[in-house]
Amino acid sequence: RGSVRLKSANPADAPLIDPNYWADPHDREMS
């Protein structure tokens, strides 16, 4: 499980997108 967070209060800044890929070793093995 990952998250979406803000880089700053500036709406022009891209969000911080973190899918957190393969944080669980099972995901890596199955992939």
PDB file of all heavy atoms in Angstrom:
ATOM      1  N   ARG A   1       0.857  -1.181   0.000  1.00  0.00           N
ATOM      2  CA  ARG A   1       0.000   0.000   0.000  1.00  0.00           C
ATOM      3  C   ARG A   1       0.896   1.235   0.000  1.00  0.00           C
ATOM      4  O   ARG A   1       1.887   1.312   0.721  1.00  0.00           O
ATOM      5  CB  ARG A   1      -0.912   0.020   1.231  1.00  0.00           C
ATOM      6  CG  ARG A   1      -1.899  -1.148   1.284  1.00  0.00           C
ATOM      7  CD  ARG A   1      -2.932  -1.059   0.177  1.00  0.00           C
ATOM      8  NE  ARG A   1      -3.931  -2.121   0.243  1.00  0.00           N
ATOM      9  CZ  ARG A   1      -3.863  -3.277  -0.418  1.00  0.00           C
ATOM     10  NH1 ARG A   1      -2.785  -3.540  -1.175  1.00  0.00           N
ATOM     11  NH2 ARG A   1      -4.830  -4.165  -0.327  1.00  0.00           N
ATOM     12  N   GLY A   2       0.533   2.200  -0.822  1.00  0.00           N
ATOM     13  CA  GLY A   2       1.300   3.425  -0.928  1.00  0.00           C
ATOM     14  C   GLY A   2       0.472   4.627  -0.539  1.00  0.00           C
ATOM     15  O   GLY A   2      -0.503   4.517   0.229  1.00  0.00           O
ATOM     16  N   SER A   3       0.816   5.781  -1.083  1.00  0.00           N
ATOM     17  CA  SER A   3       0.136   7.004  -0.670  1.00  0.00           C
ATOM     18  C   SER A   3       0.259   8.083  -1.736  1.00  0.00           C
ATOM     19  O   SER A   3       1.124   8.035  -2.611  1.00  0.00           O
ATOM     20  CB  SER A   3       0.729   7.525   0.643  1.00  0.00           C
ATOM     21  OG  SER A   3       2.089   7.891   0.453  1.00  0.00           O
ATOM     22  N   VAL A   4      -0.634   9.054  -1.633  1.00  0.00           N
ATOM     23  CA  VAL A   4      -0.540  10.306  -2.374  1.00  0.00           C
ATOM     24  C   VAL A   4      -0.404  11.416  -1.336  1.00  0.00           C
ATOM     25  O   VAL A   4      -1.227  11.518  -0.420  1.00  0.00           O
ATOM     26  CB  VAL A   4      -1.791  10.553  -3.238  1.00  0.00           C
ATOM     27  CG1 VAL A   4      -1.713  11.925  -3.915  1.00  0.00           C
ATOM     28  CG2 VAL A   4      -1.940   9.455  -4.280  1.00  0.00           C
ATOM     29  N   ARG A   5       0.626  12.227  -1.467  1.00  0.00           N
ATOM     30  CA  ARG A   5       0.845  13.335  -0.551  1.00  0.00           C
ATOM     31  C   ARG A   5       1.188  14.590  -1.361  1.00  0.00           C
ATOM     32  O   ARG A   5       1.461  14.514  -2.569  1.00  0.00           O
ATOM     33  CB  ARG A   5       1.984  12.999   0.427  1.00  0.00           C
ATOM     34  CG  ARG A   5       1.631  11.876   1.393  1.00  0.00           C
ATOM     35  CD  ARG A   5       0.617  12.351   2.412  1.00  0.00           C
ATOM     36  NE  ARG A   5       0.244  11.315   3.384  1.00  0.00           N
ATOM     37  CZ  ARG A   5      -0.918  10.686   3.388  1.00  0.00           C
ATOM     38  NH1 ARG A   5      -1.818  10.959   2.445  1.00  0.00           N
ATOM     39  NH2 ARG A   5      -1.198   9.805   4.310  1.00  0.00           N
ATOM     40  N   LEU A   6       1.183  15.722  -0.704  1.00  0.00           N
ATOM     41  CA  LEU A   6       1.515  16.981  -1.350  1.00  0.00           C
ATOM     42  C   LEU A   6       2.998  17.283  -1.193  1.00  0.00           C
ATOM     43  O   LEU A   6       3.579  17.032  -0.133  1.00  0.00           O
ATOM     44  CB  LEU A   6       0.707  18.124  -0.736  1.00  0.00           C
ATOM     45  CG  LEU A   6      -0.810  18.024  -0.825  1.00  0.00           C
ATOM     46  CD1 LEU A   6      -1.446  19.221  -0.127  1.00  0.00           C
ATOM     47  CD2 LEU A   6      -1.283  17.933  -2.270  1.00  0.00           C
ATOM     48  N   LYS A   7       3.585  17.841  -2.224  1.00  0.00           N
ATOM     49  CA  LYS A   7       4.959  18.325  -2.121  1.00  0.00           C
ATOM     50  C   LYS A   7       4.999  19.645  -1.361  1.00  0.00           C
ATOM     51  O   LYS A   7       5.918  19.910  -0.581  1.00  0.00           O
ATOM     52  CB  LYS A   7       5.549  18.499  -3.509  1.00  0.00           C
ATOM     53  CG  LYS A   7       6.993  18.977  -3.508  1.00  0.00           C
ATOM     54  CD  LYS A   7       7.526  19.109  -4.929  1.00  0.00           C
ATOM     55  CE  LYS A   7       8.972  19.582  -4.916  1.00  0.00           C
ATOM     56  NZ  LYS A   7       9.500  19.732  -6.306  1.00  0.00           N
ATOM     57  N   SER A   8       3.970  20.467  -1.604  1.00  0.00           N
ATOM     58  CA  SER A   8       3.894  21.772  -0.964  1.00  0.00           C
ATOM     59  C   SER A   8       2.450  22.253  -1.020  1.00  0.00           C
ATOM     60  O   SER A   8       1.567  21.567  -1.545  1.00  0.00           O
ATOM     61  CB  SER A   8       4.808  22.774  -1.677  1.00  0.00           C
ATOM     62  OG  SER A   8       4.225  23.177  -2.899  1.00  0.00           O
ATOM     63  N   ALA A   9       2.223  23.450  -0.525  1.00  0.00           N
ATOM     64  CA  ALA A   9       0.894  24.053  -0.590  1.00  0.00           C
ATOM     65  C   ALA A   9       0.612  24.665  -1.955  1.00  0.00           C
ATOM     66  O   ALA A   9      -0.510  25.120  -2.205  1.00  0.00           O
ATOM     67  CB  ALA A   9       0.759  25.126   0.492  1.00  0.00           C
ATOM     68  N   ASN A  10       1.593  24.670  -2.830  1.00  0.00           N
ATOM     69  CA  ASN A  10       1.448  25.259  -4.158  1.00  0.00           C
ATOM     70  C   ASN A  10       0.732  24.278  -5.085  1.00  0.00           C
ATOM     71  O   ASN A  10       1.272  23.211  -5.387  1.00  0.00           O
ATOM     72  CB  ASN A  10       2.822  25.608  -4.722  1.00  0.00           C
ATOM     73  CG  ASN A  10       2.730  26.320  -6.058  1.00  0.00           C
ATOM     74  OD1 ASN A  10       1.648  26.467  -6.643  1.00  0.00           O
ATOM     75  ND2 ASN A  10       3.862  26.777  -6.562  1.00  0.00           N
ATOM     76  N   PRO A  11      -0.467  24.612  -5.577  1.00  0.00           N
ATOM     77  CA  PRO A  11      -1.193  23.687  -6.461  1.00  0.00           C
ATOM     78  C   PRO A  11      -0.450  23.382  -7.758  1.00  0.00           C
ATOM     79  O   PRO A  11      -0.765  22.385  -8.421  1.00  0.00           O
ATOM     80  CB  PRO A  11      -2.494  24.435  -6.739  1.00  0.00           C
ATOM     81  CG  PRO A  11      -2.642  25.421  -5.638  1.00  0.00           C
ATOM     82  CD  PRO A  11      -1.243  25.832  -5.295  1.00  0.00           C
ATOM     83  N   ALA A  12       0.508  24.208  -8.132  1.00  0.00           N
ATOM     84  CA  ALA A  12       1.258  23.954  -9.364  1.00  0.00           C
ATOM     85  C   ALA A  12       2.269  22.826  -9.207  1.00  0.00           C
ATOM     86  O   ALA A  12       2.741  22.267 -10.205  1.00  0.00           O
ATOM     87  CB  ALA A  12       1.972  25.229  -9.817  1.00  0.00           C
ATOM     88  N   ASP A  13       2.607  22.471  -7.966  1.00  0.00           N
ATOM     89  CA  ASP A  13       3.564  21.386  -7.736  1.00  0.00           C
ATOM     90  C   ASP A  13       2.890  20.033  -7.930  1.00  0.00           C
ATOM     91  O   ASP A  13       1.764  19.807  -7.456  1.00  0.00           O
ATOM     92  CB  ASP A  13       4.135  21.470  -6.327  1.00  0.00           C
ATOM     93  CG  ASP A  13       5.176  22.562  -6.182  1.00  0.00           C
ATOM     94  OD1 ASP A  13       5.695  23.025  -7.224  1.00  0.00           O
ATOM     95  OD2 ASP A  13       5.457  22.972  -5.041  1.00  0.00           O
ATOM     96  N   ALA A  14       3.579  19.126  -8.603  1.00  0.00           N
ATOM     97  CA  ALA A  14       3.059  17.771  -8.770  1.00  0.00           C
ATOM     98  C   ALA A  14       2.939  17.087  -7.414  1.00  0.00           C
ATOM     99  O   ALA A  14       3.762  17.328  -6.516  1.00  0.00           O
ATOM    100  CB  ALA A  14       3.979  16.968  -9.683  1.00  0.00           C
ATOM    101  N   PRO A  15       1.941  16.226  -7.245  1.00  0.00           N
ATOM    102  CA  PRO A  15       1.826  15.496  -5.985  1.00  0.00           C
ATOM    103  C   PRO A  15       2.924  14.452  -5.851  1.00  0.00           C
ATOM    104  O   PRO A  15       3.565  14.071  -6.837  1.00  0.00           O
ATOM    105  CB  PRO A  15       0.446  14.831  -6.102  1.00  0.00           C
ATOM    106  CG  PRO A  15       0.234  14.668  -7.570  1.00  0.00           C
ATOM    107  CD  PRO A  15       0.880  15.868  -8.207  1.00  0.00           C
ATOM    108  N   LEU A  16       3.128  14.001  -4.634  1.00  0.00           N
ATOM    109  CA  LEU A  16       4.092  12.930  -4.361  1.00  0.00           C
ATOM    110  C   LEU A  16       3.346  11.606  -4.446  1.00  0.00           C
ATOM    111  O   LEU A  16       2.599  11.238  -3.544  1.00  0.00           O
ATOM    112  CB  LEU A  16       4.718  13.128  -2.979  1.00  0.00           C
ATOM    113  CG  LEU A  16       5.419  14.468  -2.756  1.00  0.00           C
ATOM    114  CD1 LEU A  16       5.924  14.561  -1.318  1.00  0.00           C
ATOM    115  CD2 LEU A  16       6.566  14.667  -3.748  1.00  0.00           C
ATOM    116  N   ILE A  17       3.545  10.921  -5.553  1.00  0.00           N
ATOM    117  CA  ILE A  17       2.837   9.666  -5.831  1.00  0.00           C
ATOM    118  C   ILE A  17       3.754   8.511  -5.464  1.00  0.00           C
ATOM    119  O   ILE A  17       4.816   8.336  -6.073  1.00  0.00           O
ATOM    120  CB  ILE A  17       2.436   9.565  -7.313  1.00  0.00           C
ATOM    121  CG1 ILE A  17       1.584  10.773  -7.730  1.00  0.00           C
ATOM    122  CG2 ILE A  17       1.695   8.264  -7.592  1.00  0.00           C
ATOM    123  CD1 ILE A  17       1.387  10.889  -9.235  1.00  0.00           C
ATOM    124  N   ASP A  18       3.363   7.730  -4.478  1.00  0.00           N
ATOM    125  CA  ASP A  18       4.210   6.623  -4.024  1.00  0.00           C
ATOM    126  C   ASP A  18       3.396   5.332  -3.969  1.00  0.00           C
ATOM    127  O   ASP A  18       2.793   5.001  -2.948  1.00  0.00           O
ATOM    128  CB  ASP A  18       4.787   6.919  -2.639  1.00  0.00           C
ATOM    129  CG  ASP A  18       5.748   5.830  -2.179  1.00  0.00           C
ATOM    130  OD1 ASP A  18       6.081   4.927  -2.985  1.00  0.00           O
ATOM    131  OD2 ASP A  18       6.166   5.862  -1.009  1.00  0.00           O
ATOM    132  N   PRO A  19       3.368   4.569  -5.072  1.00  0.00           N
ATOM    133  CA  PRO A  19       2.656   3.281  -5.039  1.00  0.00           C
ATOM    134  C   PRO A  19       3.316   2.261  -4.111  1.00  0.00           C
ATOM    135  O   PRO A  19       2.710   1.237  -3.795  1.00  0.00           O
ATOM    136  CB  PRO A  19       2.715   2.810  -6.498  1.00  0.00           C
ATOM    137  CG  PRO A  19       3.034   4.030  -7.287  1.00  0.00           C
ATOM    138  CD  PRO A  19       3.888   4.876  -6.400  1.00  0.00           C
ATOM    139  N   ASN A  20       4.566   2.532  -3.717  1.00  0.00           N
ATOM    140  CA  ASN A  20       5.290   1.647  -2.799  1.00  0.00           C
ATOM    141  C   ASN A  20       5.414   0.239  -3.372  1.00  0.00           C
ATOM    142  O   ASN A  20       5.273  -0.758  -2.660  1.00  0.00           O
ATOM    143  CB  ASN A  20       4.581   1.615  -1.436  1.00  0.00           C
ATOM    144  CG  ASN A  20       5.501   1.238  -0.297  1.00  0.00           C
ATOM    145  OD1 ASN A  20       6.710   1.337  -0.406  1.00  0.00           O
ATOM    146  ND2 ASN A  20       4.927   0.801   0.807  1.00  0.00           N
ATOM    147  N   TYR A  21       5.664   0.175  -4.671  1.00  0.00           N
ATOM    148  CA  TYR A  21       5.778  -1.116  -5.350  1.00  0.00           C
ATOM    149  C   TYR A  21       6.763  -2.036  -4.640  1.00  0.00           C
ATOM    150  O   TYR A  21       7.850  -1.619  -4.241  1.00  0.00           O
ATOM    151  CB  TYR A  21       6.267  -0.922  -6.786  1.00  0.00           C
ATOM    152  CG  TYR A  21       5.356  -0.155  -7.699  1.00  0.00           C
ATOM    153  CD1 TYR A  21       5.825   0.970  -8.373  1.00  0.00           C
ATOM    154  CD2 TYR A  21       4.041  -0.543  -7.933  1.00  0.00           C
ATOM    155  CE1 TYR A  21       5.019   1.674  -9.261  1.00  0.00           C
ATOM    156  CE2 TYR A  21       3.225   0.152  -8.814  1.00  0.00           C
ATOM    157  CZ  TYR A  21       3.720   1.257  -9.470  1.00  0.00           C
ATOM    158  OH  TYR A  21       2.922   1.962 -10.343  1.00  0.00           O
ATOM    159  N   TRP A  22       6.354  -3.294  -4.506  1.00  0.00           N
ATOM    160  CA  TRP A  22       7.178  -4.386  -3.987  1.00  0.00           C
ATOM    161  C   TRP A  22       7.606  -4.177  -2.539  1.00  0.00           C
ATOM    162  O   TRP A  22       8.584  -4.772  -2.084  1.00  0.00           O
ATOM    163  CB  TRP A  22       8.385  -4.636  -4.891  1.00  0.00           C
ATOM    164  CG  TRP A  22       7.997  -5.265  -6.203  1.00  0.00           C
ATOM    165  CD1 TRP A  22       6.737  -5.586  -6.626  1.00  0.00           C
ATOM    166  CD2 TRP A  22       8.885  -5.654  -7.262  1.00  0.00           C
ATOM    167  NE1 TRP A  22       6.766  -6.149  -7.874  1.00  0.00           N
ATOM    168  CE2 TRP A  22       8.068  -6.202  -8.296  1.00  0.00           C
ATOM    169  CE3 TRP A  22      10.256  -5.590  -7.450  1.00  0.00           C
ATOM    170  CZ2 TRP A  22       8.609  -6.683  -9.497  1.00  0.00           C
ATOM    171  CZ3 TRP A  22      10.785  -6.067  -8.642  1.00  0.00           C
ATOM    172  CH2 TRP A  22       9.978  -6.612  -9.650  1.00  0.00           C
ATOM    173  N   ALA A  23       6.870  -3.342  -1.812  1.00  0.00           N
ATOM    174  CA  ALA A  23       7.140  -3.237  -0.373  1.00  0.00           C
ATOM    175  C   ALA A  23       6.898  -4.574   0.299  1.00  0.00           C
ATOM    176  O   ALA A  23       7.529  -4.891   1.314  1.00  0.00           O
ATOM    177  CB  ALA A  23       6.259  -2.159   0.253  1.00  0.00           C
ATOM    178  N   ASP A  24       5.977  -5.352  -0.250  1.00  0.00           N
ATOM    179  CA  ASP A  24       5.749  -6.709   0.229  1.00  0.00           C
ATOM    180  C   ASP A  24       6.488  -7.669  -0.707  1.00  0.00           C
ATOM    181  O   ASP A  24       6.238  -7.669  -1.926  1.00  0.00           O
ATOM    182  CB  ASP A  24       4.250  -7.032   0.238  1.00  0.00           C
ATOM    183  CG  ASP A  24       3.934  -8.330   0.949  1.00  0.00           C
ATOM    184  OD1 ASP A  24       4.556  -9.365   0.608  1.00  0.00           O
ATOM    185  OD2 ASP A  24       3.057  -8.328   1.831  1.00  0.00           O
ATOM    186  N   PRO A  25       7.398  -8.492  -0.209  1.00  0.00           N
ATOM    187  CA  PRO A  25       8.173  -9.406  -1.065  1.00  0.00           C
ATOM    188  C   PRO A  25       7.292 -10.345  -1.899  1.00  0.00           C
ATOM    189  O   PRO A  25       7.713 -10.791  -2.974  1.00  0.00           O
ATOM    190  CB  PRO A  25       9.027 -10.193  -0.064  1.00  0.00           C
ATOM    191  CG  PRO A  25       9.118  -9.308   1.143  1.00  0.00           C
ATOM    192  CD  PRO A  25       7.806  -8.574   1.215  1.00  0.00           C
ATOM    193  N   HIS A  26       6.087 -10.628  -1.412  1.00  0.00           N
ATOM    194  CA  HIS A  26       5.176 -11.492  -2.160  1.00  0.00           C
ATOM    195  C   HIS A  26       4.837 -10.877  -3.514  1.00  0.00           C
ATOM    196  O   HIS A  26       4.734 -11.582  -4.531  1.00  0.00           O
ATOM    197  CB  HIS A  26       3.899 -11.715  -1.337  1.00  0.00           C
ATOM    198  CG  HIS A  26       2.914 -12.639  -1.983  1.00  0.00           C
ATOM    199  ND1 HIS A  26       1.869 -12.189  -2.757  1.00  0.00           N
ATOM    200  CD2 HIS A  26       2.801 -13.995  -1.961  1.00  0.00           C
ATOM    201  CE1 HIS A  26       1.151 -13.208  -3.181  1.00  0.00           C
ATOM    202  NE2 HIS A  26       1.704 -14.320  -2.715  1.00  0.00           N
ATOM    203  N   ASP A  27       4.651  -9.566  -3.555  1.00  0.00           N
ATOM    204  CA  ASP A  27       4.334  -8.889  -4.816  1.00  0.00           C
ATOM    205  C   ASP A  27       5.467  -9.072  -5.819  1.00  0.00           C
ATOM    206  O   ASP A  27       5.231  -9.317  -7.008  1.00  0.00           O
ATOM    207  CB  ASP A  27       4.102  -7.395  -4.572  1.00  0.00           C
ATOM    208  CG  ASP A  27       2.919  -7.113  -3.674  1.00  0.00           C
ATOM    209  OD1 ASP A  27       2.139  -8.044  -3.387  1.00  0.00           O
ATOM    210  OD2 ASP A  27       2.771  -5.946  -3.243  1.00  0.00           O
ATOM    211  N   ARG A  28       6.671  -8.943  -5.335  1.00  0.00           N
ATOM    212  CA  ARG A  28       7.841  -9.097  -6.205  1.00  0.00           C
ATOM    213  C   ARG A  28       7.914 -10.519  -6.754  1.00  0.00           C
ATOM    214  O   ARG A  28       8.117 -10.723  -7.960  1.00  0.00           O
ATOM    215  CB  ARG A  28       9.103  -8.751  -5.418  1.00  0.00           C
ATOM    216  CG  ARG A  28      10.409  -9.085  -6.112  1.00  0.00           C
ATOM    217  CD  ARG A  28      11.583  -8.588  -5.278  1.00  0.00           C
ATOM    218  NE  ARG A  28      12.843  -9.243  -5.627  1.00  0.00           N
ATOM    219  CZ  ARG A  28      14.007  -8.927  -5.099  1.00  0.00           C
ATOM    220  NH1 ARG A  28      14.089  -7.961  -4.190  1.00  0.00           N
ATOM    221  NH2 ARG A  28      15.116  -9.560  -5.466  1.00  0.00           N
ATOM    222  N   GLU A  29       7.721 -11.499  -5.881  1.00  0.00           N
ATOM    223  CA  GLU A  29       7.797 -12.902  -6.309  1.00  0.00           C
ATOM    224  C   GLU A  29       6.740 -13.207  -7.364  1.00  0.00           C
ATOM    225  O   GLU A  29       7.026 -13.847  -8.385  1.00  0.00           O
ATOM    226  CB  GLU A  29       7.617 -13.819  -5.100  1.00  0.00           C
ATOM    227  CG  GLU A  29       7.696 -15.295  -5.452  1.00  0.00           C
ATOM    228  CD  GLU A  29       7.432 -16.203  -4.261  1.00  0.00           C
ATOM    229  OE1 GLU A  29       7.309 -15.688  -3.123  1.00  0.00           O
ATOM    230  OE2 GLU A  29       7.333 -17.435  -4.466  1.00  0.00           O
ATOM    231  N   MET A  30       5.499 -12.761  -7.137  1.00  0.00           N
ATOM    232  CA  MET A  30       4.415 -13.060  -8.072  1.00  0.00           C
ATOM    233  C   MET A  30       4.609 -12.311  -9.395  1.00  0.00           C
ATOM    234  O   MET A  30       4.309 -12.833 -10.472  1.00  0.00           O
ATOM    235  CB  MET A  30       3.065 -12.686  -7.450  1.00  0.00           C
ATOM    236  CG  MET A  30       2.682 -13.516  -6.243  1.00  0.00           C
ATOM    237  SD  MET A  30       2.641 -15.309  -6.575  1.00  0.00           S
ATOM    238  CE  MET A  30       4.100 -15.837  -5.667  1.00  0.00           C
ATOM    239  N   SER A  31       5.106 -11.089  -9.327  1.00  0.00           N
ATOM    240  CA  SER A  31       5.355 -10.319 -10.548  1.00  0.00           C
ATOM    241  C   SER A  31       6.381 -11.014 -11.426  1.00  0.00           C
ATOM    242  O   SER A  31       6.213 -11.113 -12.655  1.00  0.00           O
ATOM    243  CB  SER A  31       5.843  -8.914 -10.195  1.00  0.00           C
ATOM    244  OG  SER A  31       4.852  -8.161  -9.534  1.00  0.00           O
TER     245      SER A  31
END
